[in-house]
C-alpha cells in the first residue's frame, strides 16, 4: 500500500528505527547530572546497574554492584560536588566490587 510517495512498510520501518534510537539511554555528562531530579538520577543509576548485571551474566564483567541504587546516587552526587568531571557512568563504574 502506498501513502503518498512512501510505501507503508518503508514508512513503518523508518518510524521503528527512529523509536529505537530515541529510546536508547542518553550519555549523561556532569552538567546534565546536576540538573536531573533525584528521581531521574535514581532511574539512571538503576539502568546502569541493570546494564552491568547483564554484562556479568554474559561473562563480560566480574564486578558487582550490591549497594542500593540510592547509595550510588549519593556517591555520584558527592563526587560531582567535590569537582569530579568524569561522566556519572565512569564514576559509577569505579564503584564496582569484585
N, C-alpha and C. Protein backbone atom coordinates (compact mmCIF):
# COMPACT_ATOMS: atom_id res chain seq x y z
N UNK A 1 0.84 -1.17 0.00
CA UNK A 1 0.00 0.00 0.00
C UNK A 1 0.89 1.24 0.00
N UNK A 2 0.49 2.24 -0.70
CA UNK A 2 1.27 3.47 -0.79
C UNK A 2 0.59 4.58 -0.01
N UNK A 3 1.40 5.40 0.61
CA UNK A 3 0.92 6.56 1.33
C UNK A 3 1.70 7.74 0.76
N UNK A 4 1.08 8.41 -0.22
CA UNK A 4 1.82 9.45 -0.94
C UNK A 4 2.88 8.77 -1.77
N UNK A 5 4.10 9.19 -1.64
CA UNK A 5 5.18 8.55 -2.38
C UNK A 5 5.87 7.47 -1.56
N UNK A 6 5.43 7.26 -0.30
CA UNK A 6 6.05 6.28 0.59
C UNK A 6 5.28 4.97 0.59
N UNK A 7 5.99 3.89 0.62
CA UNK A 7 5.42 2.57 0.84
C UNK A 7 5.17 2.45 2.34
N UNK A 8 4.03 1.93 2.75
CA UNK A 8 3.69 1.85 4.18
C UNK A 8 4.72 1.03 4.95
N UNK A 9 5.23 -0.05 4.37
CA UNK A 9 6.25 -0.87 5.04
C UNK A 9 7.53 -0.08 5.28
N UNK A 10 7.94 0.71 4.31
CA UNK A 10 9.13 1.55 4.45
C UNK A 10 8.92 2.60 5.53
N UNK A 11 7.75 3.21 5.50
CA UNK A 11 7.44 4.24 6.50
C UNK A 11 7.43 3.64 7.90
N UNK A 12 6.85 2.45 8.05
CA UNK A 12 6.82 1.79 9.36
C UNK A 12 8.25 1.46 9.83
N UNK A 13 9.10 1.05 8.91
CA UNK A 13 10.50 0.76 9.27
C UNK A 13 11.23 2.00 9.74
N UNK A 14 11.02 3.10 9.05
CA UNK A 14 11.66 4.36 9.43
C UNK A 14 11.18 4.80 10.82
N UNK A 15 9.90 4.70 11.06
CA UNK A 15 9.36 5.07 12.37
C UNK A 15 9.91 4.16 13.46
N UNK A 16 9.99 2.86 13.17
CA UNK A 16 10.54 1.91 14.14
C UNK A 16 11.99 2.21 14.49
N UNK A 17 12.79 2.50 13.48
CA UNK A 17 14.20 2.84 13.72
C UNK A 17 14.31 4.12 14.55
N UNK A 18 13.48 5.10 14.23
CA UNK A 18 13.50 6.36 14.99
C UNK A 18 13.14 6.12 16.45
N UNK A 19 12.17 5.25 16.70
CA UNK A 19 11.77 4.95 18.09
C UNK A 19 12.89 4.25 18.84
N UNK A 20 13.57 3.33 18.19
CA UNK A 20 14.69 2.62 18.84
C UNK A 20 15.79 3.60 19.20
N UNK A 21 16.13 4.47 18.27
CA UNK A 21 17.18 5.46 18.53
C UNK A 21 16.77 6.39 19.67
N UNK A 22 15.51 6.82 19.67
CA UNK A 22 15.04 7.73 20.70
C UNK A 22 15.00 7.08 22.07
N UNK A 23 14.82 5.77 22.13
CA UNK A 23 14.70 5.10 23.42
C UNK A 23 16.04 4.65 23.99
N UNK A 24 17.12 4.81 23.23
CA UNK A 24 18.44 4.43 23.75
C UNK A 24 18.82 5.35 24.90
N UNK A 25 19.53 4.79 25.86
CA UNK A 25 19.94 5.58 27.02
C UNK A 25 20.89 6.69 26.59
N UNK A 26 20.60 7.92 26.98
CA UNK A 26 21.49 9.02 26.62
C UNK A 26 22.75 9.00 27.47
N UNK A 27 23.79 9.58 26.93
CA UNK A 27 25.00 9.74 27.71
C UNK A 27 24.82 11.00 28.55
N UNK A 28 24.96 10.85 29.84
CA UNK A 28 24.73 11.96 30.75
C UNK A 28 26.08 12.49 31.22
N UNK A 29 26.30 13.77 31.02
CA UNK A 29 27.51 14.41 31.49
C UNK A 29 27.29 15.01 32.87
N UNK A 30 28.32 15.60 33.42
CA UNK A 30 28.26 16.18 34.76
C UNK A 30 27.20 17.27 34.82
N UNK A 31 27.18 18.13 33.83
CA UNK A 31 26.22 19.24 33.83
C UNK A 31 24.78 18.73 33.81
N UNK A 32 24.52 17.72 32.96
CA UNK A 32 23.17 17.14 32.90
C UNK A 32 22.82 16.44 34.21
N UNK A 33 23.80 15.76 34.81
CA UNK A 33 23.57 15.08 36.10
C UNK A 33 23.14 16.08 37.17
N UNK A 34 23.82 17.21 37.20
CA UNK A 34 23.50 18.23 38.21
C UNK A 34 22.08 18.78 38.02
N UNK A 35 21.58 18.75 36.81
CA UNK A 35 20.25 19.30 36.54
C UNK A 35 19.14 18.27 36.67
N UNK A 36 19.50 17.00 36.84
CA UNK A 36 18.49 15.95 36.96
C UNK A 36 17.85 15.98 38.34
N UNK A 37 16.58 15.59 38.39
CA UNK A 37 15.89 15.46 39.68
C UNK A 37 16.40 14.19 40.38
N UNK A 38 16.20 14.10 41.69
CA UNK A 38 16.60 12.87 42.40
C UNK A 38 15.96 11.62 41.80
N UNK A 39 14.71 11.72 41.37
CA UNK A 39 14.03 10.57 40.78
C UNK A 39 14.69 10.17 39.45
N UNK A 40 15.05 11.16 38.63
CA UNK A 40 15.71 10.87 37.36
C UNK A 40 17.07 10.23 37.59
N UNK A 41 17.79 10.71 38.59
CA UNK A 41 19.09 10.13 38.92
C UNK A 41 18.93 8.67 39.34
N UNK A 42 17.92 8.41 40.13
CA UNK A 42 17.67 7.05 40.60
C UNK A 42 17.36 6.12 39.42
N UNK A 43 16.54 6.57 38.50
CA UNK A 43 16.22 5.76 37.32
C UNK A 43 17.48 5.51 36.50
N UNK A 44 18.30 6.54 36.32
CA UNK A 44 19.53 6.41 35.55
C UNK A 44 20.47 5.40 36.20
N UNK A 45 20.64 5.47 37.53
CA UNK A 45 21.51 4.54 38.23
C UNK A 45 20.95 3.12 38.14
N UNK A 46 19.66 2.96 38.28
CA UNK A 46 19.07 1.63 38.15
C UNK A 46 19.33 1.05 36.77
N UNK A 47 19.28 1.89 35.74
CA UNK A 47 19.57 1.39 34.39
C UNK A 47 21.03 0.98 34.26
N UNK A 48 21.94 1.72 34.91
CA UNK A 48 23.35 1.34 34.86
C UNK A 48 23.59 0.02 35.60
N UNK A 49 22.92 -0.17 36.74
CA UNK A 49 23.05 -1.42 37.49
C UNK A 49 22.54 -2.58 36.63
N UNK A 50 21.39 -2.40 35.99
CA UNK A 50 20.85 -3.44 35.12
C UNK A 50 21.80 -3.77 33.98
N UNK A 51 22.38 -2.75 33.38
CA UNK A 51 23.34 -2.95 32.29
C UNK A 51 24.53 -3.77 32.77
N UNK A 52 25.06 -3.44 33.93
CA UNK A 52 26.22 -4.15 34.46
C UNK A 52 25.88 -5.59 34.83
N UNK A 53 24.68 -5.83 35.33
CA UNK A 53 24.27 -7.19 35.67
C UNK A 53 24.12 -8.05 34.43
N UNK A 54 23.62 -7.47 33.36
CA UNK A 54 23.52 -8.20 32.09
C UNK A 54 24.91 -8.55 31.59
N UNK A 55 25.85 -7.59 31.65
CA UNK A 55 27.22 -7.87 31.23
C UNK A 55 27.82 -8.99 32.06
N UNK A 56 27.57 -9.00 33.37
CA UNK A 56 28.11 -10.04 34.25
C UNK A 56 27.55 -11.41 33.88
N UNK A 57 26.27 -11.48 33.58
CA UNK A 57 25.65 -12.77 33.21
C UNK A 57 26.19 -13.30 31.89
N UNK A 58 26.63 -12.40 31.05
CA UNK A 58 27.20 -12.81 29.77
C UNK A 58 28.68 -13.15 29.91
N UNK A 59 29.22 -12.96 31.10
CA UNK A 59 30.63 -13.26 31.33
C UNK A 59 31.57 -12.13 31.02
N UNK A 60 31.06 -10.94 30.76
CA UNK A 60 31.91 -9.83 30.37
C UNK A 60 32.27 -8.89 31.49
N UNK A 61 31.87 -9.22 32.71
CA UNK A 61 32.15 -8.31 33.82
C UNK A 61 32.19 -9.11 35.11
N UNK A 62 33.24 -8.92 35.87
CA UNK A 62 33.38 -9.63 37.14
C UNK A 62 33.10 -8.73 38.33
N UNK A 63 32.70 -7.51 38.07
CA UNK A 63 32.39 -6.58 39.16
C UNK A 63 30.94 -6.75 39.61
N UNK A 64 30.68 -6.33 40.86
CA UNK A 64 29.34 -6.42 41.42
C UNK A 64 28.92 -5.07 41.97
N UNK A 65 27.63 -4.79 41.90
CA UNK A 65 27.05 -3.57 42.44
C UNK A 65 25.96 -4.01 43.41
N UNK A 66 26.33 -4.13 44.69
CA UNK A 66 25.42 -4.69 45.69
C UNK A 66 24.75 -3.65 46.57
N UNK A 67 25.14 -2.41 46.45
CA UNK A 67 24.54 -1.36 47.28
C UNK A 67 23.19 -0.94 46.69
N UNK A 68 22.35 -0.34 47.51
CA UNK A 68 21.09 0.18 46.97
C UNK A 68 21.36 1.31 45.97
N UNK A 69 20.53 1.44 44.95
CA UNK A 69 20.73 2.50 43.95
C UNK A 69 20.85 3.89 44.57
N UNK A 70 20.09 4.13 45.65
CA UNK A 70 20.15 5.44 46.33
C UNK A 70 21.55 5.76 46.83
N UNK A 71 22.29 4.73 47.25
CA UNK A 71 23.66 4.95 47.73
C UNK A 71 24.59 5.34 46.58
N UNK A 72 24.40 4.72 45.43
CA UNK A 72 25.22 5.10 44.27
C UNK A 72 24.92 6.53 43.83
N UNK A 73 23.65 6.91 43.87
CA UNK A 73 23.28 8.30 43.55
C UNK A 73 23.97 9.24 44.53
N UNK A 74 23.93 8.92 45.82
CA UNK A 74 24.56 9.76 46.83
C UNK A 74 26.06 9.88 46.57
N UNK A 75 26.70 8.78 46.24
CA UNK A 75 28.15 8.80 45.99
C UNK A 75 28.52 9.55 44.72
N UNK A 76 27.71 9.39 43.67
CA UNK A 76 27.97 10.15 42.44
C UNK A 76 27.78 11.64 42.70
N UNK A 77 26.72 12.00 43.42
CA UNK A 77 26.50 13.41 43.78
C UNK A 77 27.69 13.96 44.54
N UNK A 78 28.20 13.19 45.50
CA UNK A 78 29.34 13.64 46.31
C UNK A 78 30.58 13.83 45.44
N UNK A 79 30.80 12.90 44.51
CA UNK A 79 31.97 13.01 43.63
C UNK A 79 31.85 14.25 42.73
N UNK A 80 30.67 14.48 42.19
CA UNK A 80 30.47 15.65 41.33
C UNK A 80 30.64 16.94 42.13
N UNK A 81 30.08 16.98 43.34
CA UNK A 81 30.23 18.17 44.19
C UNK A 81 31.69 18.45 44.55
N UNK A 82 32.48 17.37 44.65
CA UNK A 82 33.90 17.56 45.00
C UNK A 82 34.76 17.92 43.79
N UNK A 83 34.12 18.04 42.60
CA UNK A 83 34.85 18.51 41.43
C UNK A 83 35.19 17.43 40.41
N UNK A 84 34.74 16.21 40.62
CA UNK A 84 34.99 15.13 39.66
C UNK A 84 34.29 15.48 38.36
N UNK A 85 35.03 15.57 37.26
CA UNK A 85 34.47 15.94 35.96
C UNK A 85 34.19 14.75 35.06
N UNK A 86 34.42 13.52 35.58
CA UNK A 86 34.11 12.34 34.77
C UNK A 86 32.60 12.22 34.61
N UNK A 87 32.15 11.61 33.52
CA UNK A 87 30.71 11.37 33.38
C UNK A 87 30.22 10.48 34.52
N UNK A 88 28.98 10.62 34.94
CA UNK A 88 28.45 9.79 36.02
C UNK A 88 28.63 8.30 35.79
N UNK A 89 28.55 7.84 34.54
CA UNK A 89 28.73 6.42 34.28
C UNK A 89 30.15 5.98 34.62
N UNK A 90 31.14 6.83 34.38
CA UNK A 90 32.53 6.49 34.72
C UNK A 90 32.72 6.46 36.24
N UNK A 91 32.10 7.39 36.93
CA UNK A 91 32.16 7.39 38.40
C UNK A 91 31.52 6.12 38.93
N UNK A 92 30.36 5.78 38.40
CA UNK A 92 29.64 4.57 38.81
C UNK A 92 30.48 3.32 38.57
N UNK A 93 31.09 3.21 37.40
CA UNK A 93 31.89 2.02 37.08
C UNK A 93 33.03 1.82 38.07
N UNK A 94 33.55 2.91 38.62
CA UNK A 94 34.62 2.81 39.61
C UNK A 94 34.15 2.33 40.97
N UNK A 95 32.85 2.20 41.16
CA UNK A 95 32.29 1.77 42.45
C UNK A 95 32.02 0.28 42.53
N UNK A 96 32.25 -0.44 41.44
CA UNK A 96 32.02 -1.88 41.45
C UNK A 96 33.02 -2.60 42.34
N UNK A 97 32.60 -3.70 42.93
CA UNK A 97 33.49 -4.51 43.78
C UNK A 97 33.64 -5.89 43.18
N UNK A 98 34.74 -6.54 43.51
CA UNK A 98 35.00 -7.90 42.99
C UNK A 98 34.52 -8.92 43.98
